[in-house]
C-alpha atoms as a PDB file:
ATOM      1  CA  UNK A   1     109.533 137.881   8.209  1.00  0.00           C
ATOM      2  CA  UNK A   2     112.656 135.751   8.428  1.00  0.00           C
ATOM      3  CA  UNK A   3     113.728 134.737   4.925  1.00  0.00           C
ATOM      4  CA  UNK A   4     115.910 131.958   6.255  1.00  0.00           C
ATOM      5  CA  UNK A   5     114.678 129.292   8.575  1.00  0.00           C
ATOM      6  CA  UNK A   6     116.373 128.005  11.667  1.00  0.00           C
ATOM      7  CA  UNK A   7     116.284 125.010  13.983  1.00  0.00           C
ATOM      8  CA  UNK A   8     116.588 125.429  17.733  1.00  0.00           C
ATOM      9  CA  UNK A   9     117.031 121.920  19.135  1.00  0.00           C
ATOM     10  CA  UNK A  10     116.583 121.313  22.870  1.00  0.00           C
ATOM     11  CA  UNK A  11     118.006 118.003  24.039  1.00  0.00           C
ATOM     12  CA  UNK A  12     118.178 116.400  27.460  1.00  0.00           C
ATOM     13  CA  UNK A  13     117.029 113.392  29.418  1.00  0.00           C
ATOM     14  CA  UNK A  14     113.370 112.603  30.109  1.00  0.00           C
ATOM     15  CA  UNK A  15     112.051 114.943  32.770  1.00  0.00           C
ATOM     16  CA  UNK A  16     114.759 117.569  32.314  1.00  0.00           C
ATOM     17  CA  UNK A  17     112.244 120.226  31.271  1.00  0.00           C
ATOM     18  CA  UNK A  18     112.944 120.344  27.525  1.00  0.00           C
ATOM     19  CA  UNK A  19     109.275 120.611  26.551  1.00  0.00           C
ATOM     20  CA  UNK A  20     108.511 123.136  29.281  1.00  0.00           C
ATOM     21  CA  UNK A  21     111.293 125.445  28.094  1.00  0.00           C
ATOM     22  CA  UNK A  22     110.550 124.818  24.390  1.00  0.00           C
ATOM     23  CA  UNK A  23     106.888 125.775  24.819  1.00  0.00           C
ATOM     24  CA  UNK A  24     107.860 128.989  26.597  1.00  0.00           C
ATOM     25  CA  UNK A  25     110.461 129.706  23.902  1.00  0.00           C
ATOM     26  CA  UNK A  26     107.853 129.309  21.161  1.00  0.00           C
ATOM     27  CA  UNK A  27     105.479 131.620  22.995  1.00  0.00           C
ATOM     28  CA  UNK A  28     108.204 134.271  23.301  1.00  0.00           C
ATOM     29  CA  UNK A  29     109.236 133.941  19.643  1.00  0.00           C
ATOM     30  CA  UNK A  30     105.628 134.142  18.447  1.00  0.00           C
ATOM     31  CA  UNK A  31     105.300 137.599  19.984  1.00  0.00           C
ATOM     32  CA  UNK A  32     107.571 138.815  17.178  1.00  0.00           C
ATOM     33  CA  UNK A  33     107.376 136.112  14.492  1.00  0.00           C
ATOM     34  CA  UNK A  34     104.544 134.193  12.893  1.00  0.00           C
ATOM     35  CA  UNK A  35     106.769 131.532  11.353  1.00  0.00           C
ATOM     36  CA  UNK A  36     107.480 129.531  14.530  1.00  0.00           C
ATOM     37  CA  UNK A  37     106.612 125.856  14.840  1.00  0.00           C
ATOM     38  CA  UNK A  38     107.159 123.502  17.756  1.00  0.00           C
ATOM     39  CA  UNK A  39     108.003 119.823  17.265  1.00  0.00           C
ATOM     40  CA  UNK A  40     107.634 117.878  20.497  1.00  0.00           C
ATOM     41  CA  UNK A  41     109.612 114.633  20.549  1.00  0.00           C
ATOM     42  CA  UNK A  42     106.801 112.416  21.840  1.00  0.00           C
ATOM     43  CA  UNK A  43     104.103 113.913  19.618  1.00  0.00           C
ATOM     44  CA  UNK A  44     106.271 113.802  16.515  1.00  0.00           C
ATOM     45  CA  UNK A  45     107.250 110.195  17.269  1.00  0.00           C
ATOM     46  CA  UNK A  46     103.584 109.253  16.884  1.00  0.00           C
ATOM     47  CA  UNK A  47     103.263 111.117  13.580  1.00  0.00           C
ATOM     48  CA  UNK A  48     106.435 109.582  12.151  1.00  0.00           C
ATOM     49  CA  UNK A  49     105.381 106.050  12.994  1.00  0.00           C
ATOM     50  CA  UNK A  50     105.879 103.731  15.881  1.00  0.00           C
ATOM     51  CA  UNK A  51     109.503 102.918  16.518  1.00  0.00           C
ATOM     52  CA  UNK A  52     111.045 100.881  19.255  1.00  0.00           C
ATOM     53  CA  UNK A  53     112.821 102.427  22.209  1.00  0.00           C
ATOM     54  CA  UNK A  54     116.195 100.720  21.926  1.00  0.00           C
ATOM     55  CA  UNK A  55     119.126 102.963  21.006  1.00  0.00           C
ATOM     56  CA  UNK A  56     119.117 102.214  17.259  1.00  0.00           C
ATOM     57  CA  UNK A  57     115.356 102.795  16.930  1.00  0.00           C
ATOM     58  CA  UNK A  58     115.701 106.052  18.869  1.00  0.00           C
ATOM     59  CA  UNK A  59     118.465 107.173  16.508  1.00  0.00           C
ATOM     60  CA  UNK A  60     116.302 106.327  13.478  1.00  0.00           C
ATOM     61  CA  UNK A  61     113.342 108.350  14.732  1.00  0.00           C
ATOM     62  CA  UNK A  62     115.701 111.207  15.633  1.00  0.00           C
ATOM     63  CA  UNK A  63     117.075 111.268  12.096  1.00  0.00           C
ATOM     64  CA  UNK A  64     113.526 111.444  10.730  1.00  0.00           C
ATOM     65  CA  UNK A  65     112.759 114.250  13.169  1.00  0.00           C
ATOM     66  CA  UNK A  66     115.869 116.053  11.899  1.00  0.00           C
ATOM     67  CA  UNK A  67     114.785 115.602   8.275  1.00  0.00           C
ATOM     68  CA  UNK A  68     111.348 117.015   9.075  1.00  0.00           C
ATOM     69  CA  UNK A  69     112.878 120.001  10.890  1.00  0.00           C
ATOM     70  CA  UNK A  70     115.163 120.559   7.895  1.00  0.00           C
ATOM     71  CA  UNK A  71     112.193 120.470   5.515  1.00  0.00           C
ATOM     72  CA  UNK A  72     110.361 123.106   7.551  1.00  0.00           C
ATOM     73  CA  UNK A  73     113.368 125.365   8.127  1.00  0.00           C
ATOM     74  CA  UNK A  74     114.120 125.420   4.391  1.00  0.00           C
ATOM     75  CA  UNK A  75     110.669 126.937   3.964  1.00  0.00           C
ATOM     76  CA  UNK A  76     111.568 129.812   6.285  1.00  0.00           C
ATOM     77  CA  UNK A  77     110.188 128.369   9.521  1.00  0.00           C
ATOM     78  CA  UNK A  78     111.827 128.762  12.898  1.00  0.00           C
ATOM     79  CA  UNK A  79     111.577 125.201  14.154  1.00  0.00           C
ATOM     80  CA  UNK A  80     111.862 124.528  17.880  1.00  0.00           C
ATOM     81  CA  UNK A  81     112.465 120.852  18.641  1.00  0.00           C
ATOM     82  CA  UNK A  82     112.487 119.178  22.043  1.00  0.00           C
ATOM     83  CA  UNK A  83     113.686 115.578  22.069  1.00  0.00           C
ATOM     84  CA  UNK A  84     116.022 113.264  23.953  1.00  0.00           C
ATOM     85  CA  UNK A  85     118.144 112.477  20.833  1.00  0.00           C
ATOM     86  CA  UNK A  86     121.370 112.439  22.850  1.00  0.00           C
ATOM     87  CA  UNK A  87     123.823 110.634  20.598  1.00  0.00           C
ATOM     88  CA  UNK A  88     126.810 111.795  18.623  1.00  0.00           C
ATOM     89  CA  UNK A  89     125.209 110.511  15.401  1.00  0.00           C
ATOM     90  CA  UNK A  90     122.342 112.965  15.833  1.00  0.00           C
ATOM     91  CA  UNK A  91     124.523 115.903  16.876  1.00  0.00           C
ATOM     92  CA  UNK A  92     126.792 115.380  13.866  1.00  0.00           C
ATOM     93  CA  UNK A  93     123.902 114.909  11.438  1.00  0.00           C
ATOM     94  CA  UNK A  94     122.147 118.046  12.674  1.00  0.00           C
ATOM     95  CA  UNK A  95     125.274 120.199  12.546  1.00  0.00           C
ATOM     96  CA  UNK A  96     126.050 119.033   9.026  1.00  0.00           C
ATOM     97  CA  UNK A  97     122.541 119.143   7.537  1.00  0.00           C
ATOM     98  CA  UNK A  98     120.374 121.702   9.327  1.00  0.00           C
ATOM     99  CA  UNK A  99     120.622 125.342   8.325  1.00  0.00           C
ATOM    100  CA  UNK A 100     121.038 127.794  11.179  1.00  0.00           C
ATOM    101  CA  UNK A 101     121.134 124.953  13.698  1.00  0.00           C
ATOM    102  CA  UNK A 102     121.352 125.903  17.368  1.00  0.00           C
ATOM    103  CA  UNK A 103     121.650 123.218  20.031  1.00  0.00           C
ATOM    104  CA  UNK A 104     120.599 123.652  23.659  1.00  0.00           C
ATOM    105  CA  UNK A 105     121.364 121.026  26.292  1.00  0.00           C
ATOM    106  CA  UNK A 106     118.796 121.092  29.071  1.00  0.00           C
ATOM    107  CA  UNK A 107     120.819 119.528  31.837  1.00  0.00           C
ATOM    108  CA  UNK A 108     119.367 118.217  35.070  1.00  0.00           C
ATOM    109  CA  UNK A 109     120.803 116.348  38.016  1.00  0.00           C
ATOM    110  CA  UNK A 110     119.848 112.646  37.867  1.00  0.00           C
ATOM    111  CA  UNK A 111     118.558 112.639  41.453  1.00  0.00           C
ATOM    112  CA  UNK A 112     116.172 115.439  40.464  1.00  0.00           C
ATOM    113  CA  UNK A 113     115.097 113.507  37.344  1.00  0.00           C
ATOM    114  CA  UNK A 114     114.239 110.519  39.535  1.00  0.00           C
ATOM    115  CA  UNK A 115     112.241 112.800  41.834  1.00  0.00           C
ATOM    116  CA  UNK A 116     110.277 114.324  38.900  1.00  0.00           C
ATOM    117  CA  UNK A 117     109.672 110.950  37.170  1.00  0.00           C
ATOM    118  CA  UNK A 118     106.028 111.627  36.085  1.00  0.00           C
ATOM    119  CA  UNK A 119     105.896 108.556  33.832  1.00  0.00           C
ATOM    120  CA  UNK A 120     107.742 106.358  36.365  1.00  0.00           C
ATOM    121  CA  UNK A 121     110.392 105.644  33.704  1.00  0.00           C
ATOM    122  CA  UNK A 122     113.359 105.901  36.008  1.00  0.00           C
ATOM    123  CA  UNK A 123     111.822 104.038  38.936  1.00  0.00           C
ATOM    124  CA  UNK A 124     110.679 101.180  36.679  1.00  0.00           C
ATOM    125  CA  UNK A 125     114.017 101.012  34.851  1.00  0.00           C
ATOM    126  CA  UNK A 126     116.055 101.097  38.059  1.00  0.00           C
ATOM    127  CA  UNK A 127     113.942  98.297  39.530  1.00  0.00           C
ATOM    128  CA  UNK A 128     114.275  96.210  36.332  1.00  0.00           C
ATOM    129  CA  UNK A 129     110.592  96.423  35.355  1.00  0.00           C
ATOM    130  CA  UNK A 130     111.332  98.092  32.001  1.00  0.00           C
ATOM    131  CA  UNK A 131     114.300  98.480  29.682  1.00  0.00           C
ATOM    132  CA  UNK A 132     115.549 100.979  27.110  1.00  0.00           C
ATOM    133  CA  UNK A 133     115.508 104.093  29.272  1.00  0.00           C
ATOM    134  CA  UNK A 134     118.102 106.656  28.259  1.00  0.00           C
ATOM    135  CA  UNK A 135     120.289 107.491  31.215  1.00  0.00           C
ATOM    136  CA  UNK A 136     119.648 104.158  32.943  1.00  0.00           C
ATOM    137  CA  UNK A 137     120.326 101.204  30.633  1.00  0.00           C
ATOM    138  CA  UNK A 138     120.930 103.180  27.430  1.00  0.00           C
ATOM    139  CA  UNK A 139     124.009 105.345  27.638  1.00  0.00           C
ATOM    140  CA  UNK A 140     123.938 108.766  26.048  1.00  0.00           C
ATOM    141  CA  UNK A 141     126.585 111.046  24.643  1.00  0.00           C
ATOM    142  CA  UNK A 142     126.672 114.328  26.497  1.00  0.00           C
ATOM    143  CA  UNK A 143     126.427 117.062  23.883  1.00  0.00           C
ATOM    144  CA  UNK A 144     128.798 119.916  23.225  1.00  0.00           C
ATOM    145  CA  UNK A 145     126.013 122.388  22.458  1.00  0.00           C
ATOM    146  CA  UNK A 146     125.879 126.069  21.713  1.00  0.00           C
ATOM    147  CA  UNK A 147     124.215 126.574  25.110  1.00  0.00           C
ATOM    148  CA  UNK A 148     123.826 124.559  28.323  1.00  0.00           C
ATOM    149  CA  UNK A 149     120.874 125.334  30.585  1.00  0.00           C
ATOM    150  CA  UNK A 150     120.932 123.846  34.064  1.00  0.00           C
ATOM    151  CA  UNK A 151     117.310 123.028  34.766  1.00  0.00           C
ATOM    152  CA  UNK A 152     117.806 121.107  37.998  1.00  0.00           C
ATOM    153  CA  UNK A 153     115.694 123.808  39.600  1.00  0.00           C
ATOM    154  CA  UNK A 154     112.512 124.732  37.756  1.00  0.00           C
ATOM    155  CA  UNK A 155     112.934 128.465  38.202  1.00  0.00           C
ATOM    156  CA  UNK A 156     113.748 131.521  36.112  1.00  0.00           C
ATOM    157  CA  UNK A 157     111.943 130.220  33.026  1.00  0.00           C
ATOM    158  CA  UNK A 158     111.863 133.654  31.387  1.00  0.00           C
ATOM    159  CA  UNK A 159     115.611 134.098  31.960  1.00  0.00           C
ATOM    160  CA  UNK A 160     116.302 130.690  30.405  1.00  0.00           C
ATOM    161  CA  UNK A 161     114.172 131.543  27.368  1.00  0.00           C
ATOM    162  CA  UNK A 162     115.894 134.911  26.970  1.00  0.00           C
ATOM    163  CA  UNK A 163     119.269 133.186  27.274  1.00  0.00           C
ATOM    164  CA  UNK A 164     118.371 130.936  24.324  1.00  0.00           C
ATOM    165  CA  UNK A 165     117.150 133.853  22.216  1.00  0.00           C
ATOM    166  CA  UNK A 166     120.175 136.004  23.055  1.00  0.00           C
ATOM    167  CA  UNK A 167     122.693 133.216  22.398  1.00  0.00           C
ATOM    168  CA  UNK A 168     120.968 132.279  19.148  1.00  0.00           C
ATOM    169  CA  UNK A 169     121.030 135.909  18.008  1.00  0.00           C
ATOM    170  CA  UNK A 170     124.739 136.229  18.797  1.00  0.00           C
ATOM    171  CA  UNK A 171     125.410 133.155  16.661  1.00  0.00           C
ATOM    172  CA  UNK A 172     123.113 133.737  13.680  1.00  0.00           C
ATOM    173  CA  UNK A 173     121.730 137.310  13.839  1.00  0.00           C
ATOM    174  CA  UNK A 174     118.361 136.094  12.529  1.00  0.00           C
ATOM    175  CA  UNK A 175     115.782 136.871  15.218  1.00  0.00           C
END
């Protein structure tokens, strides 16, 4: 069992496929490790309390998510997080405070995000029906991650998962 914990943080815009890849990553890691936990951004947001969706509120909930991931990783857990959290404040905080932190940017073409739009976030934001949608009326800071995955096409899931595991291993030699 891994004595040290780790945090693998998948970030990207809504609809980019962060959760889809994170779930598959957890499944792959659990074949070899029992100490894997998945923190989904939306689910964890509910557990941490209800926050607004403006940029500052999103940053606050992201910092709490980071603190929770840190708490778990210090207990030897491999924590996989999927969350929008696309601001320099979060990237800097995570790099400074999370042990064995590995950042993955799940990138997706905006036209494809609008096409996927399950929750109608983009269509409502673009038509002015709602506000505070990252990538529409809330700007984001594009990360400089350890790994960029282009998920414009929802294919080669296993290859994307293996790319994360391989890149993480090259960086930290823990898995």
